C-alpha atoms as a PDB file:
ATOM      1  CA  MET A   1     -28.227 -20.347 -15.105  1.00  0.00           C
ATOM      2  CA  ALA A   2     -30.143 -18.145 -12.697  1.00  0.00           C
ATOM      3  CA  LEU A   3     -28.851 -17.525  -9.194  1.00  0.00           C
ATOM      4  CA  GLN A   4     -32.350 -16.846  -7.929  1.00  0.00           C
ATOM      5  CA  VAL A   5     -35.832 -16.038  -9.192  1.00  0.00           C
ATOM      6  CA  CYS A   6     -36.026 -12.343 -10.007  1.00  0.00           C
ATOM      7  CA  GLY A   7     -39.586 -11.771  -8.928  1.00  0.00           C
ATOM      8  CA  ARG A   8     -43.183 -11.849  -9.906  1.00  0.00           C
ATOM      9  CA  GLN A   9     -44.728 -11.886 -13.326  1.00  0.00           C
ATOM     10  CA  SER A  10     -46.935  -8.959 -14.237  1.00  0.00           C
ATOM     11  CA  ASN A  11     -50.423  -9.232 -15.688  1.00  0.00           C
ATOM     12  CA  HIS A  12     -49.590  -6.243 -17.869  1.00  0.00           C
ATOM     13  CA  PRO A  13     -46.860  -6.423 -20.521  1.00  0.00           C
ATOM     14  CA  PHE A  14     -43.869  -4.203 -21.141  1.00  0.00           C
ATOM     15  CA  TYR A  15     -43.380  -3.663 -24.868  1.00  0.00           C
ATOM     16  CA  ILE A  16     -39.839  -3.926 -26.230  1.00  0.00           C
ATOM     17  CA  LYS A  17     -39.882  -2.073 -29.510  1.00  0.00           C
ATOM     18  CA  ALA A  18     -36.544  -3.458 -30.728  1.00  0.00           C
ATOM     19  CA  LEU A  19     -38.003  -6.975 -30.696  1.00  0.00           C
ATOM     20  CA  ASP A  20     -41.626  -6.025 -31.352  1.00  0.00           C
ATOM     21  CA  GLN A  21     -42.427  -8.207 -28.381  1.00  0.00           C
ATOM     22  CA  ASN A  22     -44.108  -8.012 -24.971  1.00  0.00           C
ATOM     23  CA  VAL A  23     -42.399  -9.200 -21.791  1.00  0.00           C
ATOM     24  CA  TYR A  24     -43.926  -9.796 -18.366  1.00  0.00           C
ATOM     25  CA  SER A  25     -41.072 -10.217 -15.893  1.00  0.00           C
ATOM     26  CA  LEU A  26     -37.649  -9.017 -14.862  1.00  0.00           C
ATOM     27  CA  GLU A  27     -36.273 -12.336 -16.050  1.00  0.00           C
ATOM     28  CA  GLU A  28     -37.471 -11.580 -19.570  1.00  0.00           C
ATOM     29  CA  ILE A  29     -36.045  -8.056 -19.461  1.00  0.00           C
ATOM     30  CA  ASN A  30     -32.704  -9.494 -18.351  1.00  0.00           C
ATOM     31  CA  TYR A  31     -32.878 -12.082 -21.127  1.00  0.00           C
ATOM     32  CA  PHE A  32     -33.446  -9.378 -23.727  1.00  0.00           C
ATOM     33  CA  ILE A  33     -30.509  -7.308 -22.498  1.00  0.00           C
ATOM     34  CA  TYR A  34     -28.139 -10.274 -22.211  1.00  0.00           C
ATOM     35  CA  ASN A  35     -29.005 -11.952 -25.513  1.00  0.00           C
ATOM     36  CA  HIS A  36     -29.728  -8.878 -27.642  1.00  0.00           C
ATOM     37  CA  ILE A  37     -27.182  -6.453 -26.261  1.00  0.00           C
ATOM     38  CA  ASN A  38     -26.660  -5.070 -29.758  1.00  0.00           C
ATOM     39  CA  LEU A  39     -30.258  -3.764 -29.652  1.00  0.00           C
ATOM     40  CA  VAL A  40     -29.917  -2.048 -26.271  1.00  0.00           C
ATOM     41  CA  TYR A  41     -29.624   1.728 -26.649  1.00  0.00           C
ATOM     42  CA  ARG A  42     -29.908   4.568 -24.164  1.00  0.00           C
ATOM     43  CA  ASP A  43     -33.577   5.198 -24.922  1.00  0.00           C
ATOM     44  CA  PHE A  44     -34.469   1.714 -23.677  1.00  0.00           C
ATOM     45  CA  PHE A  45     -33.681   2.848 -20.139  1.00  0.00           C
ATOM     46  CA  SER A  46     -36.599   5.234 -19.739  1.00  0.00           C
ATOM     47  CA  GLU A  47     -38.866   6.236 -16.885  1.00  0.00           C
ATOM     48  CA  THR A  48     -41.464   3.940 -18.447  1.00  0.00           C
ATOM     49  CA  LEU A  49     -39.160   0.973 -17.860  1.00  0.00           C
ATOM     50  CA  PHE A  50     -38.242   2.134 -14.350  1.00  0.00           C
ATOM     51  CA  GLU A  51     -41.894   2.520 -13.417  1.00  0.00           C
ATOM     52  CA  TYR A  52     -42.716  -0.923 -14.785  1.00  0.00           C
ATOM     53  CA  ILE A  53     -39.920  -2.527 -12.743  1.00  0.00           C
ATOM     54  CA  ASP A  54     -40.998  -0.528  -9.693  1.00  0.00           C
ATOM     55  CA  ILE A  55     -44.806  -0.834  -9.759  1.00  0.00           C
ATOM     56  CA  GLU A  56     -45.626  -3.853 -11.906  1.00  0.00           C
ATOM     57  CA  LEU A  57     -42.735  -6.106 -10.895  1.00  0.00           C
ATOM     58  CA  GLY A  58     -42.228  -4.919  -7.324  1.00  0.00           C
ATOM     59  CA  HIS A  59     -38.514  -4.120  -7.573  1.00  0.00           C
ATOM     60  CA  LYS A  60     -38.442  -0.587  -6.219  1.00  0.00           C
ATOM     61  CA  ASP A  61     -34.785  -0.971  -5.184  1.00  0.00           C
ATOM     62  CA  ILE A  62     -33.624  -1.736  -8.731  1.00  0.00           C
ATOM     63  CA  ALA A  63     -35.845   0.968 -10.223  1.00  0.00           C
ATOM     64  CA  GLU A  64     -34.401   3.578  -7.863  1.00  0.00           C
ATOM     65  CA  LYS A  65     -30.832   2.633  -8.749  1.00  0.00           C
ATOM     66  CA  LEU A  66     -31.668   2.933 -12.440  1.00  0.00           C
ATOM     67  CA  ARG A  67     -33.282   6.329 -11.830  1.00  0.00           C
ATOM     68  CA  GLU A  68     -30.165   7.468  -9.997  1.00  0.00           C
ATOM     69  CA  ILE A  69     -28.029   6.480 -12.975  1.00  0.00           C
ATOM     70  CA  ALA A  70     -30.354   8.425 -15.283  1.00  0.00           C
ATOM     71  CA  ASP A  71     -30.215  11.511 -13.033  1.00  0.00           C
ATOM     72  CA  ASN A  72     -26.427  11.414 -13.228  1.00  0.00           C
ATOM     73  CA  ASP A  73     -26.382  11.085 -17.032  1.00  0.00           C
ATOM     74  CA  GLY A  74     -25.134   7.517 -16.837  1.00  0.00           C
ATOM     75  CA  THR A  75     -23.987   5.511 -19.823  1.00  0.00           C
ATOM     76  CA  VAL A  76     -25.648   2.506 -21.404  1.00  0.00           C
ATOM     77  CA  GLN A  77     -22.886   0.451 -19.798  1.00  0.00           C
ATOM     78  CA  ASP A  78     -23.895   1.775 -16.358  1.00  0.00           C
ATOM     79  CA  PHE A  79     -27.545   0.801 -16.885  1.00  0.00           C
ATOM     80  CA  ILE A  80     -26.738  -2.682 -18.196  1.00  0.00           C
ATOM     81  CA  LYS A  81     -24.297  -3.477 -15.404  1.00  0.00           C
ATOM     82  CA  CYS A  82     -26.786  -2.282 -12.806  1.00  0.00           C
ATOM     83  CA  ILE A  83     -29.826  -4.227 -13.959  1.00  0.00           C
ATOM     84  CA  LEU A  84     -27.928  -7.450 -14.684  1.00  0.00           C
ATOM     85  CA  ASN A  85     -25.959  -7.361 -11.451  1.00  0.00           C
ATOM     86  CA  GLU A  86     -28.844  -6.323  -9.212  1.00  0.00           C
ATOM     87  CA  SER A  87     -31.267  -8.872 -10.655  1.00  0.00           C
ATOM     88  CA  TYR A  88     -29.007 -11.843  -9.825  1.00  0.00           C
ATOM     89  CA  TYR A  89     -30.459 -13.649 -12.817  1.00  0.00           C
ATOM     90  CA  TYR A  90     -27.131 -14.444 -14.481  1.00  0.00           C
ATOM     91  CA  SER A  91     -24.094 -15.948 -12.762  1.00  0.00           C
ATOM     92  CA  GLY A  92     -20.742 -14.211 -12.546  1.00  0.00           C
ATOM     93  CA  PHE A  93     -19.401 -16.553 -15.207  1.00  0.00           C
ATOM     94  CA  GLU A  94     -22.236 -15.693 -17.589  1.00  0.00           C
ATOM     95  CA  LEU A  95     -21.806 -11.968 -16.978  1.00  0.00           C
ATOM     96  CA  GLY A  96     -18.114 -12.320 -17.657  1.00  0.00           C
ATOM     97  CA  LYS A  97     -18.876 -13.701 -21.122  1.00  0.00           C
ATOM     98  CA  ILE A  98     -20.388 -10.382 -22.235  1.00  0.00           C
ATOM     99  CA  ALA A  99     -18.130  -8.112 -20.174  1.00  0.00           C
ATOM    100  CA  ASN A 100     -16.169  -6.825 -23.176  1.00  0.00           C
ATOM    101  CA  ALA A 101     -19.309  -5.998 -25.142  1.00  0.00           C
ATOM    102  CA  VAL A 102     -20.790  -4.155 -22.171  1.00  0.00           C
ATOM    103  CA  MET A 103     -17.562  -2.274 -21.560  1.00  0.00           C
ATOM    104  CA  ASN A 104     -17.394  -0.902 -25.096  1.00  0.00           C
ATOM    105  CA  ILE A 105     -21.077  -0.582 -25.901  1.00  0.00           C
ATOM    106  CA  ASP A 106     -21.280   3.210 -25.631  1.00  0.00           C
ATOM    107  CA  ASN A 107     -18.587   3.602 -28.296  1.00  0.00           C
ATOM    108  CA  MET A 108     -19.799   0.895 -30.667  1.00  0.00           C
ATOM    109  CA  SER A 109     -20.821   1.658 -34.209  1.00  0.00           C
ATOM    110  CA  ASN A 110     -23.979   0.187 -35.681  1.00  0.00           C
ATOM    111  CA  ALA A 111     -21.912  -2.317 -37.668  1.00  0.00           C
ATOM    112  CA  GLU A 112     -20.142  -3.500 -34.527  1.00  0.00           C
ATOM    113  CA  ARG A 113     -23.452  -3.939 -32.747  1.00  0.00           C
ATOM    114  CA  ILE A 114     -24.805  -5.990 -35.632  1.00  0.00           C
ATOM    115  CA  LYS A 115     -21.683  -8.167 -35.618  1.00  0.00           C
ATOM    116  CA  ILE A 116     -22.341  -9.009 -31.957  1.00  0.00           C
ATOM    117  CA  GLU A 117     -25.647 -10.497 -33.055  1.00  0.00           C
ATOM    118  CA  GLY A 118     -23.953 -12.527 -35.783  1.00  0.00           C
ATOM    119  CA  ASP A 119     -21.309 -13.780 -33.367  1.00  0.00           C
ATOM    120  CA  ALA A 120     -24.034 -14.843 -30.925  1.00  0.00           C
ATOM    121  CA  TYR A 121     -25.807 -16.814 -33.663  1.00  0.00           C
ATOM    122  CA  TYR A 122     -22.518 -18.465 -34.618  1.00  0.00           C
ATOM    123  CA  LYS A 123     -21.723 -19.476 -31.035  1.00  0.00           C
ATOM    124  CA  ALA A 124     -25.237 -20.914 -30.722  1.00  0.00           C
ATOM    125  CA  GLY A 125     -24.669 -23.036 -33.824  1.00  0.00           C
ATOM    126  CA  LYS A 126     -27.198 -21.088 -35.925  1.00  0.00           C
ATOM    127  CA  LEU A 127     -24.919 -20.819 -38.925  1.00  0.00           C
ATOM    128  CA  GLU A 128     -27.446 -19.637 -41.532  1.00  0.00           C
ATOM    129  CA  ALA A 129     -28.632 -16.846 -39.229  1.00  0.00           C
ATOM    130  CA  ALA A 130     -25.027 -15.795 -38.588  1.00  0.00           C
ATOM    131  CA  LEU A 131     -24.329 -15.758 -42.333  1.00  0.00           C
ATOM    132  CA  ASN A 132     -27.283 -13.449 -42.960  1.00  0.00           C
ATOM    133  CA  VAL A 133     -26.008 -10.984 -40.369  1.00  0.00           C
ATOM    134  CA  TYR A 134     -22.446 -11.023 -41.721  1.00  0.00           C
ATOM    135  CA  PHE A 135     -23.676 -10.638 -45.308  1.00  0.00           C
ATOM    136  CA  ASP A 136     -25.724  -7.619 -44.228  1.00  0.00           C
ATOM    137  CA  ILE A 137     -22.597  -5.995 -42.790  1.00  0.00           C
ATOM    138  CA  LEU A 138     -20.538  -6.545 -45.936  1.00  0.00           C
ATOM    139  CA  ASN A 139     -23.377  -5.411 -48.208  1.00  0.00           C
ATOM    140  CA  ASN A 140     -23.502  -2.117 -46.324  1.00  0.00           C
ATOM    141  CA  MET A 141     -19.776  -1.423 -46.223  1.00  0.00           C
ATOM    142  CA  ASP A 142     -20.152   1.736 -48.286  1.00  0.00           C
ATOM    143  CA  ASN A 143     -23.225   2.943 -46.392  1.00  0.00           C
ATOM    144  CA  ASP A 144     -22.013   2.355 -42.831  1.00  0.00           C
ATOM    145  CA  GLU A 145     -20.083   4.796 -40.729  1.00  0.00           C
ATOM    146  CA  VAL A 146     -16.390   4.548 -41.518  1.00  0.00           C
ATOM    147  CA  MET A 147     -15.009   1.346 -40.020  1.00  0.00           C
ATOM    148  CA  PRO A 148     -11.433   0.025 -40.137  1.00  0.00           C
ATOM    149  CA  GLU A 149     -10.712  -2.342 -43.005  1.00  0.00           C
ATOM    150  CA  ALA A 150      -9.603  -4.915 -40.424  1.00  0.00           C
ATOM    151  CA  PHE A 151     -13.181  -5.067 -39.108  1.00  0.00           C
ATOM    152  CA  TYR A 152     -14.656  -5.964 -42.488  1.00  0.00           C
ATOM    153  CA  GLY A 153     -11.822  -8.415 -43.069  1.00  0.00           C
ATOM    154  CA  ARG A 154     -12.833 -10.247 -39.880  1.00  0.00           C
ATOM    155  CA  VAL A 155     -16.459 -10.349 -41.040  1.00  0.00           C
ATOM    156  CA  ALA A 156     -15.512 -11.836 -44.435  1.00  0.00           C
ATOM    157  CA  TYR A 157     -13.245 -14.338 -42.673  1.00  0.00           C
ATOM    158  CA  ALA A 158     -16.103 -15.328 -40.345  1.00  0.00           C
ATOM    159  CA  ILE A 159     -18.234 -16.096 -43.409  1.00  0.00           C
ATOM    160  CA  GLY A 160     -15.423 -18.257 -44.757  1.00  0.00           C
ATOM    161  CA  VAL A 161     -15.194 -20.166 -41.485  1.00  0.00           C
ATOM    162  CA  ILE A 162     -18.925 -20.866 -41.531  1.00  0.00           C
ATOM    163  CA  TYR A 163     -18.793 -22.133 -45.105  1.00  0.00           C
ATOM    164  CA  ALA A 164     -15.891 -24.372 -44.108  1.00  0.00           C
ATOM    165  CA  LYS A 165     -18.012 -25.807 -41.295  1.00  0.00           C
ATOM    166  CA  MET A 166     -20.774 -26.400 -43.833  1.00  0.00           C
ATOM    167  CA  PHE A 167     -18.302 -28.321 -46.048  1.00  0.00           C
ATOM    168  CA  MET A 168     -18.622 -25.710 -48.805  1.00  0.00           C
ATOM    169  CA  SER A 169     -14.911 -25.367 -49.522  1.00  0.00           C
ATOM    170  CA  ARG A 170     -15.114 -23.241 -52.661  1.00  0.00           C
ATOM    171  CA  ASN A 171     -17.380 -20.735 -50.947  1.00  0.00           C
ATOM    172  CA  ALA A 172     -15.095 -20.703 -47.917  1.00  0.00           C
ATOM    173  CA  ASN A 173     -12.076 -20.090 -50.110  1.00  0.00           C
ATOM    174  CA  SER A 174     -13.733 -17.195 -51.919  1.00  0.00           C
ATOM    175  CA  TYR A 175     -14.489 -15.410 -48.638  1.00  0.00           C
ATOM    176  CA  PHE A 176     -11.032 -16.050 -47.207  1.00  0.00           C
ATOM    177  CA  ALA A 177      -9.737 -14.446 -50.409  1.00  0.00           C
ATOM    178  CA  ARG A 178     -12.141 -11.544 -50.025  1.00  0.00           C
ATOM    179  CA  ALA A 179     -11.031 -11.090 -46.417  1.00  0.00           C
ATOM    180  CA  TYR A 180      -7.423 -10.830 -47.647  1.00  0.00           C
ATOM    181  CA  GLU A 181      -8.405  -8.319 -50.328  1.00  0.00           C
ATOM    182  CA  ILE A 182     -10.093  -6.154 -47.699  1.00  0.00           C
ATOM    183  CA  TYR A 183      -7.311  -6.483 -45.144  1.00  0.00           C
ATOM    184  CA  PRO A 184      -4.151  -8.473 -46.069  1.00  0.00           C
ATOM    185  CA  ASP A 185      -3.738 -10.556 -42.933  1.00  0.00           C
ATOM    186  CA  PRO A 186      -1.481 -13.601 -43.579  1.00  0.00           C
ATOM    187  CA  LEU A 187      -4.032 -15.733 -41.699  1.00  0.00           C
ATOM    188  CA  TYR A 188      -6.540 -15.246 -44.518  1.00  0.00           C
ATOM    189  CA  ALA A 189      -4.008 -16.308 -47.160  1.00  0.00           C
ATOM    190  CA  ARG A 190      -3.073 -19.423 -45.180  1.00  0.00           C
ATOM    191  CA  SER A 191      -6.769 -20.246 -44.830  1.00  0.00           C
ATOM    192  CA  CYS A 192      -7.083 -20.239 -48.622  1.00  0.00           C
ATOM    193  CA  VAL A 193      -4.245 -22.775 -48.765  1.00  0.00           C
ATOM    194  CA  TYR A 194      -5.983 -24.936 -46.162  1.00  0.00           C
ATOM    195  CA  MET A 195      -9.208 -24.972 -48.142  1.00  0.00           C
ATOM    196  CA  ALA A 196      -7.488 -25.841 -51.416  1.00  0.00           C
ATOM    197  CA  LEU A 197      -5.673 -28.733 -49.718  1.00  0.00           C
ATOM    198  CA  VAL A 198      -8.748 -30.003 -47.896  1.00  0.00           C
ATOM    199  CA  ASN A 199     -10.691 -29.901 -51.171  1.00  0.00           C
ATOM    200  CA  ASN A 200      -7.831 -31.611 -53.060  1.00  0.00           C
ATOM    201  CA  ASP A 201      -8.042 -28.765 -55.564  1.00  0.00           C
ATOM    202  CA  GLU A 202      -4.571 -28.601 -57.078  1.00  0.00           C
ATOM    203  CA  GLU A 203      -5.563 -25.885 -59.550  1.00  0.00           C
ATOM    204  CA  GLU A 204      -6.869 -23.633 -56.786  1.00  0.00           C
ATOM    205  CA  LEU A 205      -3.836 -24.464 -54.643  1.00  0.00           C
ATOM    206  CA  LEU A 206      -1.442 -23.368 -57.395  1.00  0.00           C
ATOM    207  CA  LYS A 207      -3.376 -20.123 -57.908  1.00  0.00           C
ATOM    208  CA  THR A 208      -3.340 -19.477 -54.168  1.00  0.00           C
ATOM    209  CA  ILE A 209       0.406 -20.100 -53.863  1.00  0.00           C
ATOM    210  CA  MET A 210       1.116 -17.689 -56.709  1.00  0.00           C
ATOM    211  CA  ARG A 211      -1.425 -15.084 -55.578  1.00  0.00           C
ATOM    212  CA  TYR A 212      -0.157 -14.866 -51.999  1.00  0.00           C
ATOM    213  CA  HIS A 213       3.489 -15.813 -52.581  1.00  0.00           C
ATOM    214  CA  ILE A 214       3.251 -18.761 -50.193  1.00  0.00           C
ATOM    215  CA  SER A 215       6.717 -20.082 -49.317  1.00  0.00           C
ATOM    216  CA  ASP A 216       7.629 -23.761 -49.572  1.00  0.00           C
ATOM    217  CA  ASP A 217       8.153 -23.927 -45.793  1.00  0.00           C
ATOM    218  CA  THR A 218       4.704 -22.458 -45.089  1.00  0.00           C
ATOM    219  CA  LEU A 219       3.070 -24.786 -47.609  1.00  0.00           C
ATOM    220  CA  GLU A 220       4.772 -27.819 -46.070  1.00  0.00           C
ATOM    221  CA  ARG A 221       3.648 -26.852 -42.549  1.00  0.00           C
ATOM    222  CA  ILE A 222       0.072 -26.473 -43.744  1.00  0.00           C
ATOM    223  CA  ARG A 223       0.211 -29.792 -45.610  1.00  0.00           C
ATOM    224  CA  LYS A 224       1.354 -31.550 -42.434  1.00  0.00           C
ATOM    225  CA  ARG A 225      -1.396 -29.906 -40.391  1.00  0.00           C
ATOM    226  CA  VAL A 226      -4.091 -30.879 -42.888  1.00  0.00           C
ATOM    227  CA  GLY A 227      -2.727 -34.407 -43.006  1.00  0.00           C
ATOM    228  CA  ALA A 228      -2.784 -34.655 -39.214  1.00  0.00           C
ATOM    229  CA  LEU A 229      -6.376 -33.413 -39.104  1.00  0.00           C
ATOM    230  CA  ARG A 230      -7.429 -35.926 -41.741  1.00  0.00           C
ATOM    231  CA  ARG A 231      -5.820 -38.779 -39.803  1.00  0.00           C
ATOM    232  CA  GLU A 232      -7.481 -37.568 -36.607  1.00  0.00           C
ATOM    233  CA  ILE A 233     -10.913 -37.535 -38.272  1.00  0.00           C
ATOM    234  CA  GLU A 234     -10.407 -40.861 -40.051  1.00  0.00           C
ATOM    235  CA  THR A 235      -9.342 -42.656 -36.862  1.00  0.00           C
ATOM    236  CA  SER A 236     -11.887 -41.065 -34.521  1.00  0.00           C
ATOM    237  CA  ASP A 237     -14.260 -43.396 -32.669  1.00  0.00           C
ATOM    238  CA  GLU A 238     -17.279 -41.750 -34.330  1.00  0.00           C
ATOM    239  CA  THR A 239     -15.875 -42.267 -37.838  1.00  0.00           C
ATOM    240  CA  LEU A 240     -14.817 -45.858 -37.188  1.00  0.00           C
ATOM    241  CA  LEU A 241     -18.236 -46.691 -35.747  1.00  0.00           C
ATOM    242  CA  PHE A 242     -19.938 -45.130 -38.766  1.00  0.00           C
ATOM    243  CA  ILE A 243     -17.791 -47.124 -41.196  1.00  0.00           C
ATOM    244  CA  ARG A 244     -18.259 -50.366 -39.275  1.00  0.00           C
ATOM    245  CA  ASN A 245     -22.056 -49.996 -39.085  1.00  0.00           C
ATOM    246  CA  PHE A 246     -22.316 -48.859 -42.684  1.00  0.00           C
ATOM    247  CA  GLU A 247     -20.228 -51.770 -44.019  1.00  0.00           C
ATOM    248  CA  ASN A 248     -22.259 -54.244 -41.987  1.00  0.00           C
ATOM    249  CA  GLY A 249     -25.517 -52.710 -43.146  1.00  0.00           C
ATOM    250  CA  ASN A 250     -26.491 -51.880 -39.562  1.00  0.00           C
ATOM    251  CA  ASN A 251     -29.046 -49.088 -39.758  1.00  0.00           C
ATOM    252  CA  SER A 252     -27.053 -47.377 -42.503  1.00  0.00           C
ATOM    253  CA  GLU A 253     -30.043 -45.313 -43.651  1.00  0.00           C
ATOM    254  CA  LYS A 254     -30.725 -44.181 -40.093  1.00  0.00           C
ATOM    255  CA  ILE A 255     -27.061 -43.219 -39.618  1.00  0.00           C
ATOM    256  CA  ILE A 256     -27.145 -41.063 -42.741  1.00  0.00           C
ATOM    257  CA  ASP A 257     -30.468 -39.516 -41.725  1.00  0.00           C
ATOM    258  CA  ASP A 258     -29.075 -38.709 -38.265  1.00  0.00           C
ATOM    259  CA  TRP A 259     -26.011 -37.059 -39.777  1.00  0.00           C
ATOM    260  CA  LYS A 260     -28.218 -35.024 -42.114  1.00  0.00           C
ATOM    261  CA  LYS A 261     -30.459 -34.017 -39.227  1.00  0.00           C
ATOM    262  CA  ASP A 262     -27.470 -32.941 -37.159  1.00  0.00           C
ATOM    263  CA  TYR A 263     -26.095 -30.941 -40.098  1.00  0.00           C
ATOM    264  CA  HIS A 264     -29.368 -29.107 -40.709  1.00  0.00           C
ATOM    265  CA  GLU A 265     -29.740 -28.343 -37.013  1.00  0.00           C
ATOM    266  CA  ARG A 266     -26.286 -26.774 -36.976  1.00  0.00           C
ATOM    267  CA  ILE A 267     -27.020 -24.479 -39.917  1.00  0.00           C
ATOM    268  CA  SER A 268     -30.608 -23.524 -38.971  1.00  0.00           C
END
C-alpha cells in the first residue's frame, strides 16, 4: 500500500476527537483521513495538528504547506489533498478511489458523509456495520437537512442489496419496495421481481407485478436472468465440490461449519 515510510513515531500522542483515539505517526493520521473521510472537518486541520506534524513527527515541509493553505482560507479538500499527496503513504491508485469524495467533501451534507462510512463498511464486507449506518440515515430522514428523495432511495436500496447478500429475501424485497416508494426508480421495482423469483414466492411475485405494472416482456427477461444465475451457481466448481463431498460424507460437518464461518465473517 505505502509508497514509502512517512517518518518517525512520536512518544507523545495526537488525540483525534472524532475517533476518541490517540495516534503517534503521520501514517496513522493518513489512515484516519483516508478511512474516515466522513469524519474529517475543517477544524481537524488546526495549528495543533500542524505543530504536531512539524515538531513531534519532524515533517516541517508538510506542516508549512498546511499552514499556507490555512492562511489562504483553504478548503477541507485542499488540506486532504495536500497531506495525502505529500505524505506518499497511499499510491495513486488508492488516492483515485476516494477522489470523488474528496472533491465534493466541502459541499457534503451530514447524511452524505455518514453514507460514505456505510459504503466503506459494505465494500469491506462488514455488512452488519453497513446496515446500522444506512438504518441511521433512514431513521433521521425527517431530522436531517433537506436531501433529495433519490438519495434516500439509494440508501433503502443499499439495505435491500445487503439483505439479498445475507439470503434474507423477504427483508430485501421490503427495502427494495421502500426504495421505490421514496423514489420511483424502475430499478427498484425490477429488484422486487428478482427477489420474488429467487425466493419462489408466487404470491409476492403477483403482488409485485400488479403493484409496479410489470410488463410481460420485462418479467420474461428477469425470469431468464434469474434462471441463468441459478444455472451458473448450480454448475460452479465450488457448488459441485460441495455436493460431491457432502454426498460422499467427506467432512460434511466441516464444510457446513466453514460456510457458516465465512457467512458470519461477511456480515460482521
